[in-house]
């Protein structure tokens, strides 16, 4: 059995590249989606994803966000992409029961909390 670090890194890379392929038709990445999905403003929600200045600048250029958050065009893009991302998430969790998913997320949260105490 491979250790959790292997599976975590493997899953992260698979999620990143697979979601990027889903979003590629609109020349977007997972980071674009994360900004759109948080309404472009909650810094705390975006903090784990690192420096997003380039992504945010691109969304400003597209007219999807402004200083107040998502614009009307951004809201339309978010709704359109939400369907695609929902289909992607359903594919990722296919065959996984809700209780299994919740237990896995709970374990990962506790592991992260353990490391945050260092």
PDB file of N, CA and C in Angstrom:
ATOM      1  N   UNK A   1       0.845  -1.175   0.000  1.00  0.00           N
ATOM      2  CA  UNK A   1       0.000   0.000   0.000  1.00  0.00           C
ATOM      3  C   UNK A   1       0.895   1.245   0.000  1.00  0.00           C
ATOM      4  N   UNK A   2       0.579   2.162  -0.874  1.00  0.00           N
ATOM      5  CA  UNK A   2       1.343   3.410  -0.954  1.00  0.00           C
ATOM      6  C   UNK A   2       0.863   4.360   0.145  1.00  0.00           C
ATOM      7  N   UNK A   3       1.767   5.213   0.647  1.00  0.00           N
ATOM      8  CA  UNK A   3       1.393   6.122   1.736  1.00  0.00           C
ATOM      9  C   UNK A   3       0.465   7.247   1.266  1.00  0.00           C
ATOM     10  N   UNK A   4      -0.170   7.891   2.239  1.00  0.00           N
ATOM     11  CA  UNK A   4      -1.134   8.946   1.944  1.00  0.00           C
ATOM     12  C   UNK A   4      -0.505  10.084   1.156  1.00  0.00           C
ATOM     13  N   UNK A   5       0.751  10.394   1.425  1.00  0.00           N
ATOM     14  CA  UNK A   5       1.423  11.479   0.692  1.00  0.00           C
ATOM     15  C   UNK A   5       1.456  11.220  -0.807  1.00  0.00           C
ATOM     16  N   UNK A   6       1.694   9.967  -1.175  1.00  0.00           N
ATOM     17  CA  UNK A   6       1.693   9.608  -2.597  1.00  0.00           C
ATOM     18  C   UNK A   6       0.313   9.863  -3.191  1.00  0.00           C
ATOM     19  N   UNK A   7      -0.725   9.332  -2.520  1.00  0.00           N
ATOM     20  CA  UNK A   7      -2.081   9.455  -3.061  1.00  0.00           C
ATOM     21  C   UNK A   7      -2.561  10.902  -3.058  1.00  0.00           C
ATOM     22  N   UNK A   8      -2.168  11.658  -2.036  1.00  0.00           N
ATOM     23  CA  UNK A   8      -2.554  13.062  -1.996  1.00  0.00           C
ATOM     24  C   UNK A   8      -1.935  13.812  -3.169  1.00  0.00           C
ATOM     25  N   UNK A   9      -0.639  13.631  -3.396  1.00  0.00           N
ATOM     26  CA  UNK A   9       0.040  14.314  -4.511  1.00  0.00           C
ATOM     27  C   UNK A   9      -0.523  13.853  -5.853  1.00  0.00           C
ATOM     28  N   UNK A  10      -0.754  12.561  -5.989  1.00  0.00           N
ATOM     29  CA  UNK A  10      -1.293  12.013  -7.239  1.00  0.00           C
ATOM     30  C   UNK A  10      -2.696  12.569  -7.518  1.00  0.00           C
ATOM     31  N   UNK A  11      -3.538  12.567  -6.496  1.00  0.00           N
ATOM     32  CA  UNK A  11      -4.901  13.072  -6.662  1.00  0.00           C
ATOM     33  C   UNK A  11      -4.880  14.566  -6.968  1.00  0.00           C
ATOM     34  N   UNK A  12      -4.050  15.319  -6.282  1.00  0.00           N
ATOM     35  CA  UNK A  12      -3.973  16.761  -6.527  1.00  0.00           C
ATOM     36  C   UNK A  12      -3.611  17.034  -7.981  1.00  0.00           C
ATOM     37  N   UNK A  13      -2.600  16.349  -8.483  1.00  0.00           N
ATOM     38  CA  UNK A  13      -2.187  16.546  -9.875  1.00  0.00           C
ATOM     39  C   UNK A  13      -3.293  16.125 -10.842  1.00  0.00           C
ATOM     40  N   UNK A  14      -3.950  15.006 -10.545  1.00  0.00           N
ATOM     41  CA  UNK A  14      -5.026  14.531 -11.412  1.00  0.00           C
ATOM     42  C   UNK A  14      -6.203  15.509 -11.409  1.00  0.00           C
ATOM     43  N   UNK A  15      -6.564  16.026 -10.240  1.00  0.00           N
ATOM     44  CA  UNK A  15      -7.649  17.012 -10.164  1.00  0.00           C
ATOM     45  C   UNK A  15      -7.287  18.267 -10.936  1.00  0.00           C
ATOM     46  N   UNK A  16      -6.069  18.739 -10.724  1.00  0.00           N
ATOM     47  CA  UNK A  16      -5.609  19.972 -11.376  1.00  0.00           C
ATOM     48  C   UNK A  16      -5.662  19.834 -12.908  1.00  0.00           C
ATOM     49  N   UNK A  17      -5.041  18.793 -13.421  1.00  0.00           N
ATOM     50  CA  UNK A  17      -4.961  18.647 -14.882  1.00  0.00           C
ATOM     51  C   UNK A  17      -6.319  18.307 -15.498  1.00  0.00           C
ATOM     52  N   UNK A  18      -7.117  17.498 -14.816  1.00  0.00           N
ATOM     53  CA  UNK A  18      -8.430  17.134 -15.352  1.00  0.00           C
ATOM     54  C   UNK A  18      -9.373  18.331 -15.379  1.00  0.00           C
ATOM     55  N   UNK A  19      -9.391  19.117 -14.309  1.00  0.00           N
ATOM     56  CA  UNK A  19     -10.265  20.290 -14.283  1.00  0.00           C
ATOM     57  C   UNK A  19      -9.777  21.345 -15.279  1.00  0.00           C
ATOM     58  N   UNK A  20      -8.462  21.473 -15.425  1.00  0.00           N
ATOM     59  CA  UNK A  20      -7.944  22.403 -16.436  1.00  0.00           C
ATOM     60  C   UNK A  20      -8.434  22.008 -17.837  1.00  0.00           C
ATOM     61  N   UNK A  21      -8.509  20.709 -18.115  1.00  0.00           N
ATOM     62  CA  UNK A  21      -9.021  20.264 -19.419  1.00  0.00           C
ATOM     63  C   UNK A  21     -10.498  20.616 -19.578  1.00  0.00           C
ATOM     64  N   UNK A  22     -11.266  20.500 -18.501  1.00  0.00           N
ATOM     65  CA  UNK A  22     -12.688  20.856 -18.539  1.00  0.00           C
ATOM     66  C   UNK A  22     -12.851  22.341 -18.853  1.00  0.00           C
ATOM     67  N   UNK A  23     -11.992  23.172 -18.286  1.00  0.00           N
ATOM     68  CA  UNK A  23     -12.102  24.627 -18.420  1.00  0.00           C
ATOM     69  C   UNK A  23     -11.360  25.188 -19.637  1.00  0.00           C
ATOM     70  N   UNK A  24     -10.563  24.367 -20.285  1.00  0.00           N
ATOM     71  CA  UNK A  24      -9.710  24.833 -21.387  1.00  0.00           C
ATOM     72  C   UNK A  24     -10.485  25.432 -22.556  1.00  0.00           C
ATOM     73  N   UNK A  25     -11.705  24.994 -22.775  1.00  0.00           N
ATOM     74  CA  UNK A  25     -12.492  25.524 -23.891  1.00  0.00           C
ATOM     75  C   UNK A  25     -12.684  27.035 -23.774  1.00  0.00           C
ATOM     76  N   UNK A  26     -12.604  27.551 -22.541  1.00  0.00           N
ATOM     77  CA  UNK A  26     -12.751  28.996 -22.335  1.00  0.00           C
ATOM     78  C   UNK A  26     -11.420  29.634 -21.934  1.00  0.00           C
ATOM     79  N   UNK A  27     -10.330  28.910 -22.179  1.00  0.00           N
ATOM     80  CA  UNK A  27      -8.986  29.378 -21.820  1.00  0.00           C
ATOM     81  C   UNK A  27      -8.891  29.750 -20.343  1.00  0.00           C
ATOM     82  N   UNK A  28      -9.435  28.883 -19.504  1.00  0.00           N
ATOM     83  CA  UNK A  28      -9.421  29.082 -18.063  1.00  0.00           C
ATOM     84  C   UNK A  28      -8.671  27.948 -17.390  1.00  0.00           C
ATOM     85  N   UNK A  29      -8.269  28.194 -16.139  1.00  0.00           N
ATOM     86  CA  UNK A  29      -7.636  27.171 -15.313  1.00  0.00           C
ATOM     87  C   UNK A  29      -8.447  26.986 -14.039  1.00  0.00           C
ATOM     88  N   UNK A  30      -8.017  26.034 -13.243  1.00  0.00           N
ATOM     89  CA  UNK A  30      -8.672  25.782 -11.960  1.00  0.00           C
ATOM     90  C   UNK A  30      -8.635  27.039 -11.086  1.00  0.00           C
ATOM     91  N   UNK A  31      -7.558  27.784 -11.170  1.00  0.00           N
ATOM     92  CA  UNK A  31      -7.443  29.016 -10.371  1.00  0.00           C
ATOM     93  C   UNK A  31      -8.507  30.041 -10.780  1.00  0.00           C
ATOM     94  N   UNK A  32      -8.777  30.147 -12.080  1.00  0.00           N
ATOM     95  CA  UNK A  32      -9.849  31.038 -12.531  1.00  0.00           C
ATOM     96  C   UNK A  32     -11.169  30.617 -11.882  1.00  0.00           C
ATOM     97  N   UNK A  33     -11.437  29.317 -11.915  1.00  0.00           N
ATOM     98  CA  UNK A  33     -12.673  28.813 -11.347  1.00  0.00           C
ATOM     99  C   UNK A  33     -12.753  29.136  -9.853  1.00  0.00           C
ATOM    100  N   UNK A  34     -11.653  28.953  -9.140  1.00  0.00           N
ATOM    101  CA  UNK A  34     -11.656  29.206  -7.707  1.00  0.00           C
ATOM    102  C   UNK A  34     -11.983  30.669  -7.408  1.00  0.00           C
ATOM    103  N   UNK A  35     -11.439  31.576  -8.191  1.00  0.00           N
ATOM    104  CA  UNK A  35     -11.735  32.997  -7.987  1.00  0.00           C
ATOM    105  C   UNK A  35     -13.207  33.266  -8.298  1.00  0.00           C
ATOM    106  N   UNK A  36     -13.689  32.772  -9.427  1.00  0.00           N
ATOM    107  CA  UNK A  36     -15.091  32.978  -9.794  1.00  0.00           C
ATOM    108  C   UNK A  36     -16.034  32.371  -8.759  1.00  0.00           C
ATOM    109  N   UNK A  37     -15.693  31.219  -8.264  1.00  0.00           N
ATOM    110  CA  UNK A  37     -16.577  30.511  -7.343  1.00  0.00           C
ATOM    111  C   UNK A  37     -16.617  31.145  -5.959  1.00  0.00           C
ATOM    112  N   UNK A  38     -15.640  31.953  -5.620  1.00  0.00           N
ATOM    113  CA  UNK A  38     -15.652  32.643  -4.329  1.00  0.00           C
ATOM    114  C   UNK A  38     -16.184  34.062  -4.479  1.00  0.00           C
ATOM    115  N   UNK A  39     -16.633  34.411  -5.659  1.00  0.00           N
ATOM    116  CA  UNK A  39     -17.168  35.752  -5.875  1.00  0.00           C
ATOM    117  C   UNK A  39     -16.083  36.789  -6.042  1.00  0.00           C
ATOM    118  N   UNK A  40     -14.860  36.357  -6.264  1.00  0.00           N
ATOM    119  CA  UNK A  40     -13.715  37.204  -6.572  1.00  0.00           C
ATOM    120  C   UNK A  40     -13.164  37.987  -5.397  1.00  0.00           C
ATOM    121  N   UNK A  41     -13.771  37.886  -4.214  1.00  0.00           N
ATOM    122  CA  UNK A  41     -13.284  38.744  -3.152  1.00  0.00           C
ATOM    123  C   UNK A  41     -12.830  38.085  -1.851  1.00  0.00           C
ATOM    124  N   UNK A  42     -13.428  37.019  -1.376  1.00  0.00           N
ATOM    125  CA  UNK A  42     -13.035  36.525  -0.049  1.00  0.00           C
ATOM    126  C   UNK A  42     -11.582  36.036  -0.007  1.00  0.00           C
ATOM    127  N   UNK A  43     -10.689  36.934   0.385  1.00  0.00           N
ATOM    128  CA  UNK A  43      -9.258  36.630   0.380  1.00  0.00           C
ATOM    129  C   UNK A  43      -8.934  35.391   1.203  1.00  0.00           C
ATOM    130  N   UNK A  44      -9.612  35.232   2.327  1.00  0.00           N
ATOM    131  CA  UNK A  44      -9.336  34.091   3.203  1.00  0.00           C
ATOM    132  C   UNK A  44      -9.631  32.775   2.486  1.00  0.00           C
ATOM    133  N   UNK A  45     -10.698  32.743   1.689  1.00  0.00           N
ATOM    134  CA  UNK A  45     -11.052  31.528   0.952  1.00  0.00           C
ATOM    135  C   UNK A  45     -10.029  31.220  -0.134  1.00  0.00           C
ATOM    136  N   UNK A  46      -9.388  32.253  -0.670  1.00  0.00           N
ATOM    137  CA  UNK A  46      -8.431  32.063  -1.759  1.00  0.00           C
ATOM    138  C   UNK A  46      -6.999  31.900  -1.267  1.00  0.00           C
ATOM    139  N   UNK A  47      -6.734  32.207  -0.016  1.00  0.00           N
ATOM    140  CA  UNK A  47      -5.383  32.190   0.536  1.00  0.00           C
ATOM    141  C   UNK A  47      -4.624  30.876   0.280  1.00  0.00           C
ATOM    142  N   UNK A  48      -5.266  29.707   0.444  1.00  0.00           N
ATOM    143  CA  UNK A  48      -4.529  28.454   0.236  1.00  0.00           C
ATOM    144  C   UNK A  48      -4.032  28.249  -1.202  1.00  0.00           C
ATOM    145  N   UNK A  49      -4.538  29.035  -2.154  1.00  0.00           N
ATOM    146  CA  UNK A  49      -4.192  28.812  -3.546  1.00  0.00           C
ATOM    147  C   UNK A  49      -3.026  29.673  -4.025  1.00  0.00           C
ATOM    148  N   UNK A  50      -2.408  30.384  -3.102  1.00  0.00           N
ATOM    149  CA  UNK A  50      -1.212  31.142  -3.441  1.00  0.00           C
ATOM    150  C   UNK A  50      -1.511  32.465  -4.123  1.00  0.00           C
ATOM    151  N   UNK A  51      -0.536  32.927  -4.868  1.00  0.00           N
ATOM    152  CA  UNK A  51      -0.610  34.224  -5.532  1.00  0.00           C
ATOM    153  C   UNK A  51      -1.522  34.136  -6.751  1.00  0.00           C
ATOM    154  N   UNK A  52      -2.646  34.800  -6.685  1.00  0.00           N
ATOM    155  CA  UNK A  52      -3.636  34.756  -7.762  1.00  0.00           C
ATOM    156  C   UNK A  52      -3.735  36.083  -8.517  1.00  0.00           C
ATOM    157  N   UNK A  53      -2.752  36.962  -8.330  1.00  0.00           N
ATOM    158  CA  UNK A  53      -2.824  38.279  -8.972  1.00  0.00           C
ATOM    159  C   UNK A  53      -2.960  38.179 -10.488  1.00  0.00           C
ATOM    160  N   UNK A  54      -2.215  37.286 -11.108  1.00  0.00           N
ATOM    161  CA  UNK A  54      -2.291  37.123 -12.569  1.00  0.00           C
ATOM    162  C   UNK A  54      -3.683  36.637 -12.993  1.00  0.00           C
ATOM    163  N   UNK A  55      -4.211  35.682 -12.267  1.00  0.00           N
ATOM    164  CA  UNK A  55      -5.533  35.139 -12.560  1.00  0.00           C
ATOM    165  C   UNK A  55      -6.600  36.224 -12.394  1.00  0.00           C
ATOM    166  N   UNK A  56      -6.510  36.962 -11.315  1.00  0.00           N
ATOM    167  CA  UNK A  56      -7.469  38.039 -11.052  1.00  0.00           C
ATOM    168  C   UNK A  56      -7.361  39.119 -12.132  1.00  0.00           C
ATOM    169  N   UNK A  57      -6.140  39.444 -12.539  1.00  0.00           N
ATOM    170  CA  UNK A  57      -5.949  40.442 -13.607  1.00  0.00           C
ATOM    171  C   UNK A  57      -6.597  39.963 -14.902  1.00  0.00           C
ATOM    172  N   UNK A  58      -6.461  38.674 -15.209  1.00  0.00           N
ATOM    173  CA  UNK A  58      -7.074  38.126 -16.419  1.00  0.00           C
ATOM    174  C   UNK A  58      -8.601  38.231 -16.346  1.00  0.00           C
ATOM    175  N   UNK A  59      -9.169  37.933 -15.201  1.00  0.00           N
ATOM    176  CA  UNK A  59     -10.614  38.022 -15.052  1.00  0.00           C
ATOM    177  C   UNK A  59     -11.092  39.472 -15.129  1.00  0.00           C
ATOM    178  N   UNK A  60     -10.283  40.403 -14.652  1.00  0.00           N
ATOM    179  CA  UNK A  60     -10.595  41.838 -14.816  1.00  0.00           C
ATOM    180  C   UNK A  60     -10.618  42.197 -16.304  1.00  0.00           C
ATOM    181  N   UNK A  61      -9.615  41.722 -17.044  1.00  0.00           N
ATOM    182  CA  UNK A  61      -9.551  42.010 -18.483  1.00  0.00           C
ATOM    183  C   UNK A  61     -10.749  41.438 -19.232  1.00  0.00           C
ATOM    184  N   UNK A  62     -11.226  40.302 -18.796  1.00  0.00           N
ATOM    185  CA  UNK A  62     -12.402  39.686 -19.423  1.00  0.00           C
ATOM    186  C   UNK A  62     -13.691  40.428 -19.061  1.00  0.00           C
ATOM    187  N   UNK A  63     -13.606  41.292 -18.050  1.00  0.00           N
ATOM    188  CA  UNK A  63     -14.790  42.003 -17.581  1.00  0.00           C
ATOM    189  C   UNK A  63     -15.663  41.152 -16.678  1.00  0.00           C
ATOM    190  N   UNK A  64     -15.093  40.108 -16.099  1.00  0.00           N
ATOM    191  CA  UNK A  64     -15.857  39.197 -15.264  1.00  0.00           C
ATOM    192  C   UNK A  64     -15.841  39.594 -13.793  1.00  0.00           C
ATOM    193  N   UNK A  65     -14.847  40.375 -13.382  1.00  0.00           N
ATOM    194  CA  UNK A  65     -14.801  40.858 -12.014  1.00  0.00           C
ATOM    195  C   UNK A  65     -14.400  42.325 -12.017  1.00  0.00           C
ATOM    196  N   UNK A  66     -14.812  43.010 -10.962  1.00  0.00           N
ATOM    197  CA  UNK A  66     -14.382  44.391 -10.744  1.00  0.00           C
ATOM    198  C   UNK A  66     -14.162  44.552  -9.245  1.00  0.00           C
ATOM    199  N   UNK A  67     -14.004  45.778  -8.784  1.00  0.00           N
ATOM    200  CA  UNK A  67     -13.716  46.003  -7.356  1.00  0.00           C
ATOM    201  C   UNK A  67     -14.847  45.553  -6.439  1.00  0.00           C
ATOM    202  N   UNK A  68     -16.047  45.360  -6.981  1.00  0.00           N
ATOM    203  CA  UNK A  68     -17.189  44.920  -6.177  1.00  0.00           C
ATOM    204  C   UNK A  68     -17.405  43.407  -6.218  1.00  0.00           C
ATOM    205  N   UNK A  69     -16.618  42.697  -7.007  1.00  0.00           N
ATOM    206  CA  UNK A  69     -16.780  41.246  -7.130  1.00  0.00           C
ATOM    207  C   UNK A  69     -17.145  40.862  -8.550  1.00  0.00           C
ATOM    208  N   UNK A  70     -18.011  39.875  -8.683  1.00  0.00           N
ATOM    209  CA  UNK A  70     -18.411  39.398 -10.008  1.00  0.00           C
ATOM    210  C   UNK A  70     -19.301  40.417 -10.710  1.00  0.00           C
ATOM    211  N   UNK A  71     -18.991  40.672 -11.969  1.00  0.00           N
ATOM    212  CA  UNK A  71     -19.849  41.525 -12.782  1.00  0.00           C
ATOM    213  C   UNK A  71     -20.989  40.677 -13.330  1.00  0.00           C
ATOM    214  N   UNK A  72     -21.881  41.292 -14.079  1.00  0.00           N
ATOM    215  CA  UNK A  72     -22.972  40.537 -14.699  1.00  0.00           C
ATOM    216  C   UNK A  72     -22.410  39.469 -15.636  1.00  0.00           C
ATOM    217  N   UNK A  73     -21.393  39.833 -16.414  1.00  0.00           N
ATOM    218  CA  UNK A  73     -20.754  38.858 -17.315  1.00  0.00           C
ATOM    219  C   UNK A  73     -20.065  37.754 -16.503  1.00  0.00           C
ATOM    220  N   UNK A  74     -19.473  38.131 -15.382  1.00  0.00           N
ATOM    221  CA  UNK A  74     -18.834  37.149 -14.511  1.00  0.00           C
ATOM    222  C   UNK A  74     -19.827  36.196 -13.888  1.00  0.00           C
ATOM    223  N   UNK A  75     -20.983  36.720 -13.509  1.00  0.00           N
ATOM    224  CA  UNK A  75     -22.032  35.864 -12.952  1.00  0.00           C
ATOM    225  C   UNK A  75     -22.531  34.871 -13.994  1.00  0.00           C
ATOM    226  N   UNK A  76     -22.674  35.330 -15.221  1.00  0.00           N
ATOM    227  CA  UNK A  76     -23.113  34.436 -16.306  1.00  0.00           C
ATOM    228  C   UNK A  76     -22.065  33.356 -16.561  1.00  0.00           C
ATOM    229  N   UNK A  77     -20.795  33.765 -16.564  1.00  0.00           N
ATOM    230  CA  UNK A  77     -19.711  32.792 -16.766  1.00  0.00           C
ATOM    231  C   UNK A  77     -19.683  31.789 -15.614  1.00  0.00           C
ATOM    232  N   UNK A  78     -19.862  32.272 -14.397  1.00  0.00           N
ATOM    233  CA  UNK A  78     -19.864  31.398 -13.236  1.00  0.00           C
ATOM    234  C   UNK A  78     -20.978  30.356 -13.337  1.00  0.00           C
ATOM    235  N   UNK A  79     -22.168  30.778 -13.697  1.00  0.00           N
ATOM    236  CA  UNK A  79     -23.288  29.834 -13.834  1.00  0.00           C
ATOM    237  C   UNK A  79     -23.010  28.798 -14.921  1.00  0.00           C
ATOM    238  N   UNK A  80     -22.468  29.249 -16.036  1.00  0.00           N
ATOM    239  CA  UNK A  80     -22.146  28.348 -17.148  1.00  0.00           C
ATOM    240  C   UNK A  80     -21.097  27.316 -16.719  1.00  0.00           C
ATOM    241  N   UNK A  81     -20.070  27.799 -16.038  1.00  0.00           N
ATOM    242  CA  UNK A  81     -18.979  26.920 -15.614  1.00  0.00           C
ATOM    243  C   UNK A  81     -19.388  26.015 -14.451  1.00  0.00           C
ATOM    244  N   UNK A  82     -20.312  26.494 -13.631  1.00  0.00           N
ATOM    245  CA  UNK A  82     -20.768  25.708 -12.484  1.00  0.00           C
ATOM    246  C   UNK A  82     -21.350  24.371 -12.943  1.00  0.00           C
ATOM    247  N   UNK A  83     -22.043  24.379 -14.064  1.00  0.00           N
ATOM    248  CA  UNK A  83     -22.593  23.136 -14.614  1.00  0.00           C
ATOM    249  C   UNK A  83     -21.469  22.184 -15.010  1.00  0.00           C
ATOM    250  N   UNK A  84     -20.473  22.700 -15.719  1.00  0.00           N
ATOM    251  CA  UNK A  84     -19.342  21.857 -16.149  1.00  0.00           C
ATOM    252  C   UNK A  84     -18.568  21.318 -14.951  1.00  0.00           C
ATOM    253  N   UNK A  85     -18.328  22.176 -13.975  1.00  0.00           N
ATOM    254  CA  UNK A  85     -17.588  21.755 -12.780  1.00  0.00           C
ATOM    255  C   UNK A  85     -18.403  20.742 -11.980  1.00  0.00           C
ATOM    256  N   UNK A  86     -19.710  20.929 -11.914  1.00  0.00           N
ATOM    257  CA  UNK A  86     -20.573  19.964 -11.239  1.00  0.00           C
ATOM    258  C   UNK A  86     -20.502  18.585 -11.880  1.00  0.00           C
ATOM    259  N   UNK A  87     -20.497  18.557 -13.206  1.00  0.00           N
ATOM    260  CA  UNK A  87     -20.364  17.285 -13.924  1.00  0.00           C
ATOM    261  C   UNK A  87     -19.004  16.648 -13.637  1.00  0.00           C
ATOM    262  N   UNK A  88     -17.963  17.485 -13.606  1.00  0.00           N
ATOM    263  CA  UNK A  88     -16.612  17.013 -13.293  1.00  0.00           C
ATOM    264  C   UNK A  88     -16.574  16.416 -11.888  1.00  0.00           C
ATOM    265  N   UNK A  89     -17.132  17.107 -10.918  1.00  0.00           N
ATOM    266  CA  UNK A  89     -17.130  16.620  -9.536  1.00  0.00           C
ATOM    267  C   UNK A  89     -17.897  15.313  -9.408  1.00  0.00           C
ATOM    268  N   UNK A  90     -18.992  15.199 -10.137  1.00  0.00           N
ATOM    269  CA  UNK A  90     -19.768  13.954 -10.107  1.00  0.00           C
ATOM    270  C   UNK A  90     -18.929  12.792 -10.646  1.00  0.00           C
ATOM    271  N   UNK A  91     -18.150  13.067 -11.687  1.00  0.00           N
ATOM    272  CA  UNK A  91     -17.280  12.026 -12.258  1.00  0.00           C
ATOM    273  C   UNK A  91     -16.189  11.639 -11.264  1.00  0.00           C
ATOM    274  N   UNK A  92     -15.622  12.625 -10.580  1.00  0.00           N
ATOM    275  CA  UNK A  92     -14.549  12.378  -9.614  1.00  0.00           C
ATOM    276  C   UNK A  92     -15.047  11.515  -8.450  1.00  0.00           C
ATOM    277  N   UNK A  93     -16.258  11.757  -7.996  1.00  0.00           N
ATOM    278  CA  UNK A  93     -16.770  11.049  -6.816  1.00  0.00           C
ATOM    279  C   UNK A  93     -17.675   9.864  -7.158  1.00  0.00           C
ATOM    280  N   UNK A  94     -17.698   9.501  -8.419  1.00  0.00           N
ATOM    281  CA  UNK A  94     -18.525   8.363  -8.837  1.00  0.00           C
ATOM    282  C   UNK A  94     -18.149   7.117  -8.039  1.00  0.00           C
ATOM    283  N   UNK A  95     -19.163   6.425  -7.513  1.00  0.00           N
ATOM    284  CA  UNK A  95     -18.934   5.193  -6.760  1.00  0.00           C
ATOM    285  C   UNK A  95     -18.518   5.421  -5.316  1.00  0.00           C
ATOM    286  N   UNK A  96     -18.465   6.666  -4.885  1.00  0.00           N
ATOM    287  CA  UNK A  96     -18.086   6.986  -3.505  1.00  0.00           C
ATOM    288  C   UNK A  96     -19.343   7.450  -2.772  1.00  0.00           C
ATOM    289  N   UNK A  97     -19.676   6.733  -1.713  1.00  0.00           N
ATOM    290  CA  UNK A  97     -20.854   7.104  -0.928  1.00  0.00           C
ATOM    291  C   UNK A  97     -20.600   8.419  -0.195  1.00  0.00           C
ATOM    292  N   UNK A  98     -21.669   9.113   0.137  1.00  0.00           N
ATOM    293  CA  UNK A  98     -21.569  10.394   0.835  1.00  0.00           C
ATOM    294  C   UNK A  98     -20.823  10.247   2.158  1.00  0.00           C
ATOM    295  N   UNK A  99     -21.106   9.193   2.919  1.00  0.00           N
ATOM    296  CA  UNK A  99     -20.429   9.006   4.209  1.00  0.00           C
ATOM    297  C   UNK A  99     -18.933   8.742   4.018  1.00  0.00           C
ATOM    298  N   UNK A 100     -18.557   8.052   2.945  1.00  0.00           N
ATOM    299  CA  UNK A 100     -17.136   7.828   2.651  1.00  0.00           C
ATOM    300  C   UNK A 100     -16.433   9.140   2.313  1.00  0.00           C
ATOM    301  N   UNK A 101     -17.094   9.947   1.510  1.00  0.00           N
ATOM    302  CA  UNK A 101     -16.534  11.242   1.125  1.00  0.00           C
ATOM    303  C   UNK A 101     -16.339  12.119   2.356  1.00  0.00           C
ATOM    304  N   UNK A 102     -17.384  12.203   3.185  1.00  0.00           N
ATOM    305  CA  UNK A 102     -17.316  13.035   4.397  1.00  0.00           C
ATOM    306  C   UNK A 102     -16.227  12.544   5.346  1.00  0.00           C
ATOM    307  N   UNK A 103     -16.101  11.236   5.487  1.00  0.00           N
ATOM    308  CA  UNK A 103     -15.065  10.683   6.374  1.00  0.00           C
ATOM    309  C   UNK A 103     -13.670  11.030   5.842  1.00  0.00           C
ATOM    310  N   UNK A 104     -13.480  10.918   4.544  1.00  0.00           N
ATOM    311  CA  UNK A 104     -12.181  11.235   3.945  1.00  0.00           C
ATOM    312  C   UNK A 104     -11.835  12.701   4.146  1.00  0.00           C
ATOM    313  N   UNK A 105     -12.770  13.575   3.879  1.00  0.00           N
ATOM    314  CA  UNK A 105     -12.536  15.008   4.069  1.00  0.00           C
ATOM    315  C   UNK A 105     -12.260  15.300   5.544  1.00  0.00           C
ATOM    316  N   UNK A 106     -12.989  14.657   6.433  1.00  0.00           N
ATOM    317  CA  UNK A 106     -12.773  14.850   7.860  1.00  0.00           C
ATOM    318  C   UNK A 106     -11.377  14.448   8.300  1.00  0.00           C
ATOM    319  N   UNK A 107     -10.901  13.326   7.804  1.00  0.00           N
ATOM    320  CA  UNK A 107      -9.550  12.869   8.131  1.00  0.00           C
ATOM    321  C   UNK A 107      -8.514  13.861   7.604  1.00  0.00           C
ATOM    322  N   UNK A 108      -8.684  14.322   6.371  1.00  0.00           N
ATOM    323  CA  UNK A 108      -7.730  15.289   5.802  1.00  0.00           C
ATOM    324  C   UNK A 108      -7.736  16.600   6.587  1.00  0.00           C
ATOM    325  N   UNK A 109      -8.914  17.044   7.009  1.00  0.00           N
ATOM    326  CA  UNK A 109      -9.006  18.266   7.829  1.00  0.00           C
ATOM    327  C   UNK A 109      -8.253  18.100   9.148  1.00  0.00           C
ATOM    328  N   UNK A 110      -8.423  16.943   9.787  1.00  0.00           N
ATOM    329  CA  UNK A 110      -7.733  16.716  11.064  1.00  0.00           C
ATOM    330  C   UNK A 110      -6.223  16.635  10.860  1.00  0.00           C
ATOM    331  N   UNK A 111      -5.783  15.999   9.783  1.00  0.00           N
ATOM    332  CA  UNK A 111      -4.340  15.927   9.506  1.00  0.00           C
ATOM    333  C   UNK A 111      -3.767  17.321   9.290  1.00  0.00           C
ATOM    334  N   UNK A 112      -4.486  18.147   8.540  1.00  0.00           N
ATOM    335  CA  UNK A 112      -4.029  19.520   8.301  1.00  0.00           C
ATOM    336  C   UNK A 112      -3.988  20.299   9.604  1.00  0.00           C
ATOM    337  N   UNK A 113      -4.987  20.124  10.444  1.00  0.00           N
ATOM    338  CA  UNK A 113      -5.016  20.809  11.745  1.00  0.00           C
ATOM    339  C   UNK A 113      -3.852  20.356  12.616  1.00  0.00           C
ATOM    340  N   UNK A 114      -3.537  19.078  12.581  1.00  0.00           N
ATOM    341  CA  UNK A 114      -2.396  18.573  13.353  1.00  0.00           C
ATOM    342  C   UNK A 114      -1.102  19.255  12.929  1.00  0.00           C
ATOM    343  N   UNK A 115      -0.922  19.413  11.635  1.00  0.00           N
ATOM    344  CA  UNK A 115       0.300  20.049  11.137  1.00  0.00           C
ATOM    345  C   UNK A 115       0.310  21.555  11.382  1.00  0.00           C
ATOM    346  N   UNK A 116      -0.862  22.164  11.414  1.00  0.00           N
ATOM    347  CA  UNK A 116      -0.949  23.608  11.658  1.00  0.00           C
ATOM    348  C   UNK A 116      -0.532  23.967  13.072  1.00  0.00           C
ATOM    349  N   UNK A 117      -0.589  23.009  13.991  1.00  0.00           N
ATOM    350  CA  UNK A 117      -0.213  23.256  15.389  1.00  0.00           C
ATOM    351  C   UNK A 117       1.293  23.264  15.602  1.00  0.00           C
ATOM    352  N   UNK A 118       2.059  22.855  14.600  1.00  0.00           N
ATOM    353  CA  UNK A 118       3.531  22.802  14.752  1.00  0.00           C
ATOM    354  C   UNK A 118       4.119  24.173  14.870  1.00  0.00           C
TER     355      UNK A 118
END
